[in-house]
Amino acid sequence: FITYFKYEDYFSLNARDYYGSFYSYLKKHGIVVANNKEIIEAISPNKEIAYFLKIPQHSPILKRTRFTSDSLNQFKEYTECYYIGSEYKYFVDFGK
């Protein structure tokens, strides 16, 4: 996961503080994500991503790009997630 968001003084600079649920961390600071859009695509990884996923560079992966914001658009997040294609399935349930 590679996540970008605007830094505020109350956010920690310690990476360990972001382990676990990022959205639980945000809630502790009064930020509730209300809008979420995602794009999922099959791609070939670059050398850096292949290295971190410990796979050959020609192996297919899934890239999930997420855009979130709070209801007032005061907080915005952009995240890129990379998954080994042979180890994940994507499931969507549009029912109620």
C-alpha atoms as a PDB file:
ATOM      1  CA  PHE A   1       0.000   0.000   0.000  1.00  0.00           C
ATOM      2  CA  ILE A   2       1.172   3.485  -0.845  1.00  0.00           C
ATOM      3  CA  THR A   3      -1.056   6.165   0.680  1.00  0.00           C
ATOM      4  CA  TYR A   4      -1.031   9.926   0.228  1.00  0.00           C
ATOM      5  CA  PHE A   5      -2.959  12.486   2.255  1.00  0.00           C
ATOM      6  CA  LYS A   6      -2.411  16.063   3.390  1.00  0.00           C
ATOM      7  CA  TYR A   7      -0.364  16.230   6.564  1.00  0.00           C
ATOM      8  CA  GLU A   8      -1.909  17.888   9.602  1.00  0.00           C
ATOM      9  CA  ASP A   9      -0.036  18.656  12.833  1.00  0.00           C
ATOM     10  CA  TYR A  10      -1.983  16.030  14.769  1.00  0.00           C
ATOM     11  CA  PHE A  11      -0.965  13.176  12.414  1.00  0.00           C
ATOM     12  CA  SER A  12       1.892  10.996  13.584  1.00  0.00           C
ATOM     13  CA  LEU A  13       5.172  10.811  11.695  1.00  0.00           C
ATOM     14  CA  ASN A  14       5.782   7.315  13.089  1.00  0.00           C
ATOM     15  CA  ALA A  15       4.924   4.669  10.457  1.00  0.00           C
ATOM     16  CA  ARG A  16       3.968   2.181  13.194  1.00  0.00           C
ATOM     17  CA  ASP A  17       1.036   4.367  14.182  1.00  0.00           C
ATOM     18  CA  TYR A  18      -0.526   3.547  10.804  1.00  0.00           C
ATOM     19  CA  TYR A  19      -0.366  -0.249  11.131  1.00  0.00           C
ATOM     20  CA  GLY A  20      -3.825  -1.771  11.365  1.00  0.00           C
ATOM     21  CA  SER A  21      -6.916   0.097  10.232  1.00  0.00           C
ATOM     22  CA  PHE A  22      -6.121   3.472   8.706  1.00  0.00           C
ATOM     23  CA  TYR A  23      -9.783   4.464   8.995  1.00  0.00           C
ATOM     24  CA  SER A  24      -9.847   3.683  12.729  1.00  0.00           C
ATOM     25  CA  TYR A  25      -6.798   5.910  13.074  1.00  0.00           C
ATOM     26  CA  LEU A  26      -8.600   8.700  11.206  1.00  0.00           C
ATOM     27  CA  LYS A  27     -11.708   8.315  13.402  1.00  0.00           C
ATOM     28  CA  LYS A  28      -9.532   8.957  16.462  1.00  0.00           C
ATOM     29  CA  HIS A  29      -8.890  12.387  14.918  1.00  0.00           C
ATOM     30  CA  GLY A  30     -12.544  13.040  14.095  1.00  0.00           C
ATOM     31  CA  ILE A  31     -12.250  12.178  10.388  1.00  0.00           C
ATOM     32  CA  VAL A  32     -14.934   9.911   8.951  1.00  0.00           C
ATOM     33  CA  VAL A  33     -14.557   8.841   5.340  1.00  0.00           C
ATOM     34  CA  ALA A  34     -17.857   9.324   3.513  1.00  0.00           C
ATOM     35  CA  ASN A  35     -16.873   8.984  -0.150  1.00  0.00           C
ATOM     36  CA  ASN A  36     -14.918   6.095  -1.640  1.00  0.00           C
ATOM     37  CA  LYS A  37     -14.146   5.327  -5.271  1.00  0.00           C
ATOM     38  CA  GLU A  38     -11.864   2.538  -6.470  1.00  0.00           C
ATOM     39  CA  ILE A  39     -10.328   1.409  -9.723  1.00  0.00           C
ATOM     40  CA  ILE A  40      -9.026  -2.149 -10.052  1.00  0.00           C
ATOM     41  CA  GLU A  41      -6.866  -3.161 -12.999  1.00  0.00           C
ATOM     42  CA  ALA A  42      -4.582  -6.014 -14.020  1.00  0.00           C
ATOM     43  CA  ILE A  43      -1.044  -4.783 -14.740  1.00  0.00           C
ATOM     44  CA  SER A  44       2.554  -5.931 -14.960  1.00  0.00           C
ATOM     45  CA  PRO A  45       4.611  -4.690 -12.013  1.00  0.00           C
ATOM     46  CA  ASN A  46       7.625  -2.449 -12.366  1.00  0.00           C
ATOM     47  CA  LYS A  47      10.928  -3.630 -10.820  1.00  0.00           C
ATOM     48  CA  GLU A  48      10.271  -1.965  -7.468  1.00  0.00           C
ATOM     49  CA  ILE A  49       6.782  -3.421  -6.984  1.00  0.00           C
ATOM     50  CA  ALA A  50       7.948  -6.897  -8.141  1.00  0.00           C
ATOM     51  CA  TYR A  51      10.808  -6.702  -5.617  1.00  0.00           C
ATOM     52  CA  PHE A  52       8.513  -5.850  -2.696  1.00  0.00           C
ATOM     53  CA  LEU A  53       5.951  -8.491  -3.683  1.00  0.00           C
ATOM     54  CA  LYS A  54       8.796 -11.009  -4.135  1.00  0.00           C
ATOM     55  CA  ILE A  55       7.603 -12.094  -7.589  1.00  0.00           C
ATOM     56  CA  PRO A  56       9.135 -12.157 -11.083  1.00  0.00           C
ATOM     57  CA  GLN A  57       8.623  -8.872 -12.906  1.00  0.00           C
ATOM     58  CA  HIS A  58       6.546 -10.524 -15.646  1.00  0.00           C
ATOM     59  CA  SER A  59       3.962 -11.889 -13.149  1.00  0.00           C
ATOM     60  CA  PRO A  60       0.521 -10.269 -13.414  1.00  0.00           C
ATOM     61  CA  ILE A  61      -0.681  -8.246 -10.442  1.00  0.00           C
ATOM     62  CA  LEU A  62      -3.803  -6.367  -9.468  1.00  0.00           C
ATOM     63  CA  LYS A  63      -3.529  -2.650  -8.789  1.00  0.00           C
ATOM     64  CA  ARG A  64      -6.289  -1.045  -6.746  1.00  0.00           C
ATOM     65  CA  THR A  65      -6.401   2.745  -6.725  1.00  0.00           C
ATOM     66  CA  ARG A  66      -8.622   4.270  -4.047  1.00  0.00           C
ATOM     67  CA  PHE A  67      -9.870   7.861  -3.735  1.00  0.00           C
ATOM     68  CA  THR A  68     -11.601   8.804  -0.478  1.00  0.00           C
ATOM     69  CA  SER A  69     -12.767  11.977   1.227  1.00  0.00           C
ATOM     70  CA  ASP A  70     -14.849  13.087   4.166  1.00  0.00           C
ATOM     71  CA  SER A  71     -18.318  14.555   3.624  1.00  0.00           C
ATOM     72  CA  LEU A  72     -16.969  18.142   3.479  1.00  0.00           C
ATOM     73  CA  ASN A  73     -13.981  17.270   1.246  1.00  0.00           C
ATOM     74  CA  GLN A  74     -11.625  18.616   3.913  1.00  0.00           C
ATOM     75  CA  PHE A  75      -9.788  15.280   4.073  1.00  0.00           C
ATOM     76  CA  LYS A  76      -8.731  13.458   0.919  1.00  0.00           C
ATOM     77  CA  GLU A  77      -6.787  10.224   0.491  1.00  0.00           C
ATOM     78  CA  TYR A  78      -5.179   8.622  -2.543  1.00  0.00           C
ATOM     79  CA  THR A  79      -3.958   5.027  -2.179  1.00  0.00           C
ATOM     80  CA  GLU A  80      -2.356   2.524  -4.530  1.00  0.00           C
ATOM     81  CA  CYS A  81      -2.547  -1.136  -3.466  1.00  0.00           C
ATOM     82  CA  TYR A  82      -0.744  -3.977  -5.230  1.00  0.00           C
ATOM     83  CA  TYR A  83      -1.760  -7.627  -5.007  1.00  0.00           C
ATOM     84  CA  ILE A  84      -0.212 -10.782  -6.467  1.00  0.00           C
ATOM     85  CA  GLY A  85      -2.709 -11.729  -9.174  1.00  0.00           C
ATOM     86  CA  SER A  86      -2.625 -15.479  -8.534  1.00  0.00           C
ATOM     87  CA  GLU A  87      -3.388 -15.061  -4.814  1.00  0.00           C
ATOM     88  CA  TYR A  88      -6.445 -12.802  -4.849  1.00  0.00           C
ATOM     89  CA  LYS A  89      -9.980 -12.718  -6.183  1.00  0.00           C
ATOM     90  CA  TYR A  90     -12.163  -9.657  -6.417  1.00  0.00           C
ATOM     91  CA  PHE A  91     -15.779 -10.112  -5.291  1.00  0.00           C
ATOM     92  CA  VAL A  92     -18.584  -7.570  -5.666  1.00  0.00           C
ATOM     93  CA  ASP A  93     -22.034  -8.014  -4.146  1.00  0.00           C
ATOM     94  CA  PHE A  94     -24.551  -5.493  -5.456  1.00  0.00           C
ATOM     95  CA  GLY A  95     -27.445  -7.037  -3.514  1.00  0.00           C
ATOM     96  CA  LYS A  96     -28.985  -5.602  -0.369  1.00  0.00           C
END
